[in-house]
Amino acid sequence: MKKFKAYIFDLDGTILDSTPINIESFLYSCRVHLGKEVTLNEFRKLFGRPLLEQMQHYSKEKAQDMVETYRTYMDKIHDEKVKLFPGSIEVLKMLKENNIKCALVTSKARSFAQRALNLFDIDKYFDVKVFHEDCTNHKPHPEPYLLAIDKMGFPSYEILSIGDSPYDVIASREAGLKTAVVDWSDFSKEDIEKVKPDYIIHDLKEIL
C-alpha cells in the first residue's frame, strides 16, 4: 500500500467496535415506539447513515422521539459494552509519533463520539475532528470530508480515508480522496465491491 501524508478515519465500525451496542439501542427504540421487532438484516441496510435518517426510515412522525430513546438507552450501556478494534491504539500512537496528521470524520453526535474518544484516551491522536453537528450534509455527501481536508492542510490526493461503509467510500471519493475499507466491516462484501474502494485493509498496521 502507498504511504500517505495524512489519514482520515471513520469511527464506528472502523476504530470503535460499537456495532453491537448501536444495534441493541436501535432495536430497543423500535420496540418502544413502533411496538415491533426490526430484523437485523433490515437494520444493516441503514448502517453508516445519521441516526435521525435511520429512524425516519421507519417513522417520520416518531423519529425524533426514537432518537431520544436510543440515546437514553445508549447512555446506560455505552461505557460497559463499547470496545476498540484490536490494534487501533497502537497504530494511532505510531502515526502520532511519526508526526503524521490524523482526522476523525463521523456521523455520530459529538457527545457520544467524544465520550468514546475520552473513554479510551485516543482523542489526543486526532488533529482534526468532524462530528455530525459540524455539517449540514452528511455521508454519502462529501461535505464532512471536505471540511476535514480544509482543516488538515494537505491536498486531497495525499490523504487516505479509512472507513467501513459504502457511504464512507462514496463521500471520500467525491472529496477527491483515496479510499480504504476495513475487512471487519459489517457491510456485505458485495456492497463494498460495488463502490470499488482503492484498498481493502485487513490490519490497520498495513498503513504504517
C-alpha atoms as a PDB file:
ATOM      1  CA  MET A   1       0.000   0.000   0.000  1.00  0.00           C
ATOM      2  CA  LYS A   2       1.168   3.508  -0.815  1.00  0.00           C
ATOM      3  CA  LYS A   3       2.182   5.620   2.193  1.00  0.00           C
ATOM      4  CA  PHE A   4       0.143   8.786   2.650  1.00  0.00           C
ATOM      5  CA  LYS A   5       0.981  12.045   4.396  1.00  0.00           C
ATOM      6  CA  ALA A   6      -2.277  12.115   6.372  1.00  0.00           C
ATOM      7  CA  TYR A   7      -5.217   9.861   7.225  1.00  0.00           C
ATOM      8  CA  ILE A   8      -8.918  10.369   7.856  1.00  0.00           C
ATOM      9  CA  PHE A   9     -10.633   7.720   9.966  1.00  0.00           C
ATOM     10  CA  ASP A  10     -14.291   6.908  10.373  1.00  0.00           C
ATOM     11  CA  LEU A  11     -15.201   5.970  13.961  1.00  0.00           C
ATOM     12  CA  ASP A  12     -17.991   3.397  14.317  1.00  0.00           C
ATOM     13  CA  GLY A  13     -17.132   0.089  12.715  1.00  0.00           C
ATOM     14  CA  THR A  14     -13.619   1.249  11.829  1.00  0.00           C
ATOM     15  CA  ILE A  15     -11.829   2.086  15.076  1.00  0.00           C
ATOM     16  CA  LEU A  16     -14.668   1.673  17.536  1.00  0.00           C
ATOM     17  CA  ASP A  17     -16.317  -1.724  17.874  1.00  0.00           C
ATOM     18  CA  SER A  18     -19.701  -0.220  18.633  1.00  0.00           C
ATOM     19  CA  THR A  19     -21.981  -2.080  16.239  1.00  0.00           C
ATOM     20  CA  PRO A  20     -23.414  -4.412  18.927  1.00  0.00           C
ATOM     21  CA  ILE A  21     -24.473  -1.546  21.195  1.00  0.00           C
ATOM     22  CA  ASN A  22     -25.750   0.501  18.251  1.00  0.00           C
ATOM     23  CA  ILE A  23     -27.930  -2.418  17.220  1.00  0.00           C
ATOM     24  CA  GLU A  24     -29.121  -3.070  20.767  1.00  0.00           C
ATOM     25  CA  SER A  25     -30.068   0.592  21.277  1.00  0.00           C
ATOM     26  CA  PHE A  26     -31.757   0.856  17.874  1.00  0.00           C
ATOM     27  CA  LEU A  27     -33.852  -2.283  18.305  1.00  0.00           C
ATOM     28  CA  TYR A  28     -34.848  -1.170  21.796  1.00  0.00           C
ATOM     29  CA  SER A  29     -36.075   2.180  20.480  1.00  0.00           C
ATOM     30  CA  CYS A  30     -38.061   0.466  17.721  1.00  0.00           C
ATOM     31  CA  ARG A  31     -39.738  -1.827  20.234  1.00  0.00           C
ATOM     32  CA  VAL A  32     -40.689   1.106  22.468  1.00  0.00           C
ATOM     33  CA  HIS A  33     -42.054   3.404  19.760  1.00  0.00           C
ATOM     34  CA  LEU A  34     -43.170   1.072  16.994  1.00  0.00           C
ATOM     35  CA  GLY A  35     -44.166  -1.960  19.020  1.00  0.00           C
ATOM     36  CA  LYS A  36     -42.301  -4.303  16.699  1.00  0.00           C
ATOM     37  CA  GLU A  37     -39.054  -6.141  16.197  1.00  0.00           C
ATOM     38  CA  VAL A  38     -36.929  -4.838  13.348  1.00  0.00           C
ATOM     39  CA  THR A  39     -34.846  -7.574  11.739  1.00  0.00           C
ATOM     40  CA  LEU A  40     -31.083  -7.283  11.875  1.00  0.00           C
ATOM     41  CA  ASN A  41     -30.773  -7.646   8.106  1.00  0.00           C
ATOM     42  CA  GLU A  42     -33.204  -4.781   7.592  1.00  0.00           C
ATOM     43  CA  PHE A  43     -31.327  -2.567  10.028  1.00  0.00           C
ATOM     44  CA  ARG A  44     -27.943  -3.362   8.458  1.00  0.00           C
ATOM     45  CA  LYS A  45     -29.070  -1.614   5.278  1.00  0.00           C
ATOM     46  CA  LEU A  46     -29.073   1.650   7.229  1.00  0.00           C
ATOM     47  CA  PHE A  47     -25.593   1.328   8.740  1.00  0.00           C
ATOM     48  CA  GLY A  48     -23.425   4.389   8.212  1.00  0.00           C
ATOM     49  CA  ARG A  49     -26.265   6.892   7.929  1.00  0.00           C
ATOM     50  CA  PRO A  50     -27.004   9.596  10.539  1.00  0.00           C
ATOM     51  CA  LEU A  51     -29.199   8.312  13.355  1.00  0.00           C
ATOM     52  CA  LEU A  52     -32.158  10.599  12.602  1.00  0.00           C
ATOM     53  CA  GLU A  53     -32.225   9.390   8.991  1.00  0.00           C
ATOM     54  CA  GLN A  54     -32.249   5.794  10.212  1.00  0.00           C
ATOM     55  CA  MET A  55     -35.235   6.484  12.446  1.00  0.00           C
ATOM     56  CA  GLN A  56     -37.072   8.421   9.728  1.00  0.00           C
ATOM     57  CA  HIS A  57     -36.906   5.306   7.569  1.00  0.00           C
ATOM     58  CA  TYR A  58     -39.386   3.741   9.995  1.00  0.00           C
ATOM     59  CA  SER A  59     -41.437   6.726  11.121  1.00  0.00           C
ATOM     60  CA  LYS A  60     -41.074  10.380  10.176  1.00  0.00           C
ATOM     61  CA  GLU A  61     -43.533  11.359  12.917  1.00  0.00           C
ATOM     62  CA  LYS A  62     -41.808   9.452  15.731  1.00  0.00           C
ATOM     63  CA  ALA A  63     -38.222   9.747  14.517  1.00  0.00           C
ATOM     64  CA  GLN A  64     -37.068  12.440  16.953  1.00  0.00           C
ATOM     65  CA  ASP A  65     -38.587  10.626  19.932  1.00  0.00           C
ATOM     66  CA  MET A  66     -36.939   7.425  18.737  1.00  0.00           C
ATOM     67  CA  VAL A  67     -33.579   9.192  18.630  1.00  0.00           C
ATOM     68  CA  GLU A  68     -34.012  10.402  22.210  1.00  0.00           C
ATOM     69  CA  THR A  69     -34.939   6.913  23.421  1.00  0.00           C
ATOM     70  CA  TYR A  70     -31.956   5.467  21.559  1.00  0.00           C
ATOM     71  CA  ARG A  71     -29.587   7.959  23.190  1.00  0.00           C
ATOM     72  CA  THR A  72     -31.006   7.434  26.672  1.00  0.00           C
ATOM     73  CA  TYR A  73     -30.602   3.683  26.366  1.00  0.00           C
ATOM     74  CA  MET A  74     -27.157   4.021  24.814  1.00  0.00           C
ATOM     75  CA  ASP A  75     -26.100   6.238  27.696  1.00  0.00           C
ATOM     76  CA  LYS A  76     -26.796   3.362  30.110  1.00  0.00           C
ATOM     77  CA  ILE A  77     -24.827   0.669  28.285  1.00  0.00           C
ATOM     78  CA  HIS A  78     -22.128   2.602  26.415  1.00  0.00           C
ATOM     79  CA  ASP A  79     -19.112   2.542  28.723  1.00  0.00           C
ATOM     80  CA  GLU A  80     -19.590  -1.068  29.775  1.00  0.00           C
ATOM     81  CA  LYS A  81     -20.060  -2.566  26.312  1.00  0.00           C
ATOM     82  CA  VAL A  82     -18.199  -0.439  23.742  1.00  0.00           C
ATOM     83  CA  LYS A  83     -14.746  -1.629  22.638  1.00  0.00           C
ATOM     84  CA  LEU A  84     -11.900  -0.710  20.300  1.00  0.00           C
ATOM     85  CA  PHE A  85     -10.900  -2.958  17.438  1.00  0.00           C
ATOM     86  CA  PRO A  86      -7.558  -4.688  18.088  1.00  0.00           C
ATOM     87  CA  GLY A  87      -4.518  -2.664  17.094  1.00  0.00           C
ATOM     88  CA  SER A  88      -6.317   0.675  16.846  1.00  0.00           C
ATOM     89  CA  ILE A  89      -4.467   2.413  19.668  1.00  0.00           C
ATOM     90  CA  GLU A  90      -1.083   1.072  18.590  1.00  0.00           C
ATOM     91  CA  VAL A  91      -1.484   2.344  15.027  1.00  0.00           C
ATOM     92  CA  LEU A  92      -2.795   5.752  16.089  1.00  0.00           C
ATOM     93  CA  LYS A  93       0.084   6.096  18.540  1.00  0.00           C
ATOM     94  CA  MET A  94       2.680   5.239  15.900  1.00  0.00           C
ATOM     95  CA  LEU A  95       1.193   7.708  13.430  1.00  0.00           C
ATOM     96  CA  LYS A  96       1.347  10.403  16.103  1.00  0.00           C
ATOM     97  CA  GLU A  97       4.950   9.560  16.966  1.00  0.00           C
ATOM     98  CA  ASN A  98       5.854   9.934  13.289  1.00  0.00           C
ATOM     99  CA  ASN A  99       4.127  13.338  13.082  1.00  0.00           C
ATOM    100  CA  ILE A 100       1.539  12.082  10.601  1.00  0.00           C
ATOM    101  CA  LYS A 101      -1.717  14.033  10.826  1.00  0.00           C
ATOM    102  CA  CYS A 102      -4.920  12.152  11.509  1.00  0.00           C
ATOM    103  CA  ALA A 103      -8.517  13.300  11.338  1.00  0.00           C
ATOM    104  CA  LEU A 104     -11.760  11.766  12.528  1.00  0.00           C
ATOM    105  CA  VAL A 105     -14.902  12.096  10.400  1.00  0.00           C
ATOM    106  CA  THR A 106     -18.034  10.579  11.900  1.00  0.00           C
ATOM    107  CA  SER A 107     -21.791  10.842  11.509  1.00  0.00           C
ATOM    108  CA  LYS A 108     -22.040  10.246  15.254  1.00  0.00           C
ATOM    109  CA  ALA A 109     -23.213  13.028  17.549  1.00  0.00           C
ATOM    110  CA  ARG A 110     -20.350  14.896  19.195  1.00  0.00           C
ATOM    111  CA  SER A 111     -21.398  13.899  22.733  1.00  0.00           C
ATOM    112  CA  PHE A 112     -21.207  10.139  22.158  1.00  0.00           C
ATOM    113  CA  ALA A 113     -18.212  10.263  19.827  1.00  0.00           C
ATOM    114  CA  GLN A 114     -16.231  12.407  22.251  1.00  0.00           C
ATOM    115  CA  ARG A 115     -17.268  10.151  25.101  1.00  0.00           C
ATOM    116  CA  ALA A 116     -15.723   7.160  23.345  1.00  0.00           C
ATOM    117  CA  LEU A 117     -12.568   9.109  22.489  1.00  0.00           C
ATOM    118  CA  ASN A 118     -12.163  10.089  26.136  1.00  0.00           C
ATOM    119  CA  LEU A 119     -13.021   6.615  27.444  1.00  0.00           C
ATOM    120  CA  PHE A 120     -10.158   5.033  25.515  1.00  0.00           C
ATOM    121  CA  ASP A 121      -7.852   8.079  25.740  1.00  0.00           C
ATOM    122  CA  ILE A 122      -7.496   8.368  21.949  1.00  0.00           C
ATOM    123  CA  ASP A 123      -8.703  11.948  21.493  1.00  0.00           C
ATOM    124  CA  LYS A 124      -5.070  13.109  21.566  1.00  0.00           C
ATOM    125  CA  TYR A 125      -4.295  11.238  18.352  1.00  0.00           C
ATOM    126  CA  PHE A 126      -6.642  13.289  16.162  1.00  0.00           C
ATOM    127  CA  ASP A 127      -5.553  16.701  14.907  1.00  0.00           C
ATOM    128  CA  VAL A 128      -8.960  17.329  13.311  1.00  0.00           C
ATOM    129  CA  LYS A 129     -12.422  16.069  14.285  1.00  0.00           C
ATOM    130  CA  VAL A 130     -15.643  16.428  12.315  1.00  0.00           C
ATOM    131  CA  PHE A 131     -18.861  15.359  14.039  1.00  0.00           C
ATOM    132  CA  HIS A 132     -22.488  15.201  12.933  1.00  0.00           C
ATOM    133  CA  GLU A 133     -23.208  18.706  14.221  1.00  0.00           C
ATOM    134  CA  ASP A 134     -20.411  20.255  12.180  1.00  0.00           C
ATOM    135  CA  CYS A 135     -22.094  19.656   8.821  1.00  0.00           C
ATOM    136  CA  THR A 136     -25.320  20.449   7.030  1.00  0.00           C
ATOM    137  CA  ASN A 137     -24.919  17.477   4.690  1.00  0.00           C
ATOM    138  CA  HIS A 138     -23.784  14.048   5.824  1.00  0.00           C
ATOM    139  CA  LYS A 139     -22.253  10.930   4.298  1.00  0.00           C
ATOM    140  CA  PRO A 140     -22.546   9.959   1.459  1.00  0.00           C
ATOM    141  CA  HIS A 141     -22.313  13.703   0.743  1.00  0.00           C
ATOM    142  CA  PRO A 142     -18.647  14.795   0.681  1.00  0.00           C
ATOM    143  CA  GLU A 143     -19.115  17.829   2.964  1.00  0.00           C
ATOM    144  CA  PRO A 144     -17.689  16.194   6.152  1.00  0.00           C
ATOM    145  CA  TYR A 145     -14.555  15.126   4.296  1.00  0.00           C
ATOM    146  CA  LEU A 146     -14.129  18.440   2.517  1.00  0.00           C
ATOM    147  CA  LEU A 147     -14.265  20.151   5.896  1.00  0.00           C
ATOM    148  CA  ALA A 148     -11.616  17.799   7.295  1.00  0.00           C
ATOM    149  CA  ILE A 149      -9.362  18.262   4.256  1.00  0.00           C
ATOM    150  CA  ASP A 150      -9.576  22.032   4.595  1.00  0.00           C
ATOM    151  CA  LYS A 151      -8.531  21.835   8.249  1.00  0.00           C
ATOM    152  CA  MET A 152      -5.723  19.327   7.686  1.00  0.00           C
ATOM    153  CA  GLY A 153      -3.749  21.449   5.260  1.00  0.00           C
ATOM    154  CA  PHE A 154      -2.853  18.708   2.785  1.00  0.00           C
ATOM    155  CA  PRO A 155      -4.113  18.257  -0.774  1.00  0.00           C
ATOM    156  CA  SER A 156      -6.714  15.505  -1.002  1.00  0.00           C
ATOM    157  CA  TYR A 157      -4.505  13.178  -3.061  1.00  0.00           C
ATOM    158  CA  GLU A 158      -2.039  12.961  -0.162  1.00  0.00           C
ATOM    159  CA  ILE A 159      -4.723  11.742   2.275  1.00  0.00           C
ATOM    160  CA  LEU A 160      -6.184   8.247   2.670  1.00  0.00           C
ATOM    161  CA  SER A 161      -9.722   7.886   4.000  1.00  0.00           C
ATOM    162  CA  ILE A 162     -10.340   4.723   6.028  1.00  0.00           C
ATOM    163  CA  GLY A 163     -13.874   3.561   6.787  1.00  0.00           C
ATOM    164  CA  ASP A 164     -16.161   0.568   6.945  1.00  0.00           C
ATOM    165  CA  SER A 165     -19.142   1.543   4.809  1.00  0.00           C
ATOM    166  CA  PRO A 166     -20.024   2.282   1.184  1.00  0.00           C
ATOM    167  CA  TYR A 167     -21.060   5.754   2.359  1.00  0.00           C
ATOM    168  CA  ASP A 168     -17.503   6.421   3.570  1.00  0.00           C
ATOM    169  CA  VAL A 169     -16.139   5.453   0.168  1.00  0.00           C
ATOM    170  CA  ILE A 170     -18.667   7.456  -1.852  1.00  0.00           C
ATOM    171  CA  ALA A 171     -18.265  10.605   0.240  1.00  0.00           C
ATOM    172  CA  SER A 172     -14.472  10.352   0.350  1.00  0.00           C
ATOM    173  CA  ARG A 173     -14.110   9.794  -3.377  1.00  0.00           C
ATOM    174  CA  GLU A 174     -16.363  12.782  -4.091  1.00  0.00           C
ATOM    175  CA  ALA A 175     -13.993  14.816  -1.914  1.00  0.00           C
ATOM    176  CA  GLY A 176     -11.023  13.693  -4.017  1.00  0.00           C
ATOM    177  CA  LEU A 177      -9.575  11.226  -1.516  1.00  0.00           C
ATOM    178  CA  LYS A 178      -8.146   7.761  -1.985  1.00  0.00           C
ATOM    179  CA  THR A 179     -10.299   5.270  -0.112  1.00  0.00           C
ATOM    180  CA  ALA A 180      -9.846   2.167   2.025  1.00  0.00           C
ATOM    181  CA  VAL A 181     -12.362  -0.123   3.701  1.00  0.00           C
ATOM    182  CA  VAL A 182     -11.559  -2.362   6.684  1.00  0.00           C
ATOM    183  CA  ASP A 183     -12.376  -6.010   6.140  1.00  0.00           C
ATOM    184  CA  TRP A 184     -14.100  -6.273   9.531  1.00  0.00           C
ATOM    185  CA  SER A 185     -16.905  -4.128   8.116  1.00  0.00           C
ATOM    186  CA  ASP A 186     -20.459  -5.242   8.881  1.00  0.00           C
ATOM    187  CA  PHE A 187     -21.426  -4.425   5.311  1.00  0.00           C
ATOM    188  CA  SER A 188     -21.524  -7.299   2.859  1.00  0.00           C
ATOM    189  CA  LYS A 189     -18.632  -7.983   0.515  1.00  0.00           C
ATOM    190  CA  GLU A 190     -20.982  -7.262  -2.390  1.00  0.00           C
ATOM    191  CA  ASP A 191     -21.937  -3.834  -1.002  1.00  0.00           C
ATOM    192  CA  ILE A 192     -18.274  -2.922  -0.598  1.00  0.00           C
ATOM    193  CA  GLU A 193     -17.252  -4.203  -4.018  1.00  0.00           C
ATOM    194  CA  LYS A 194     -19.963  -2.119  -5.696  1.00  0.00           C
ATOM    195  CA  VAL A 195     -18.325   1.139  -4.613  1.00  0.00           C
ATOM    196  CA  LYS A 196     -14.817  -0.026  -5.565  1.00  0.00           C
ATOM    197  CA  PRO A 197     -12.561   1.283  -2.765  1.00  0.00           C
ATOM    198  CA  ASP A 198      -8.904   1.726  -3.659  1.00  0.00           C
ATOM    199  CA  TYR A 199      -7.796  -0.571  -0.846  1.00  0.00           C
ATOM    200  CA  ILE A 200      -9.134  -3.266   1.458  1.00  0.00           C
ATOM    201  CA  ILE A 201      -7.374  -3.221   4.826  1.00  0.00           C
ATOM    202  CA  HIS A 202      -7.000  -6.466   6.758  1.00  0.00           C
ATOM    203  CA  ASP A 203      -4.952  -4.960   9.587  1.00  0.00           C
ATOM    204  CA  LEU A 204      -4.569  -1.245  10.370  1.00  0.00           C
ATOM    205  CA  LYS A 205      -0.804  -1.771  10.594  1.00  0.00           C
ATOM    206  CA  GLU A 206      -0.802  -2.037   6.806  1.00  0.00           C
ATOM    207  CA  ILE A 207      -0.938   1.751   6.588  1.00  0.00           C
ATOM    208  CA  LEU A 208       2.284   2.260   8.568  1.00  0.00           C
END
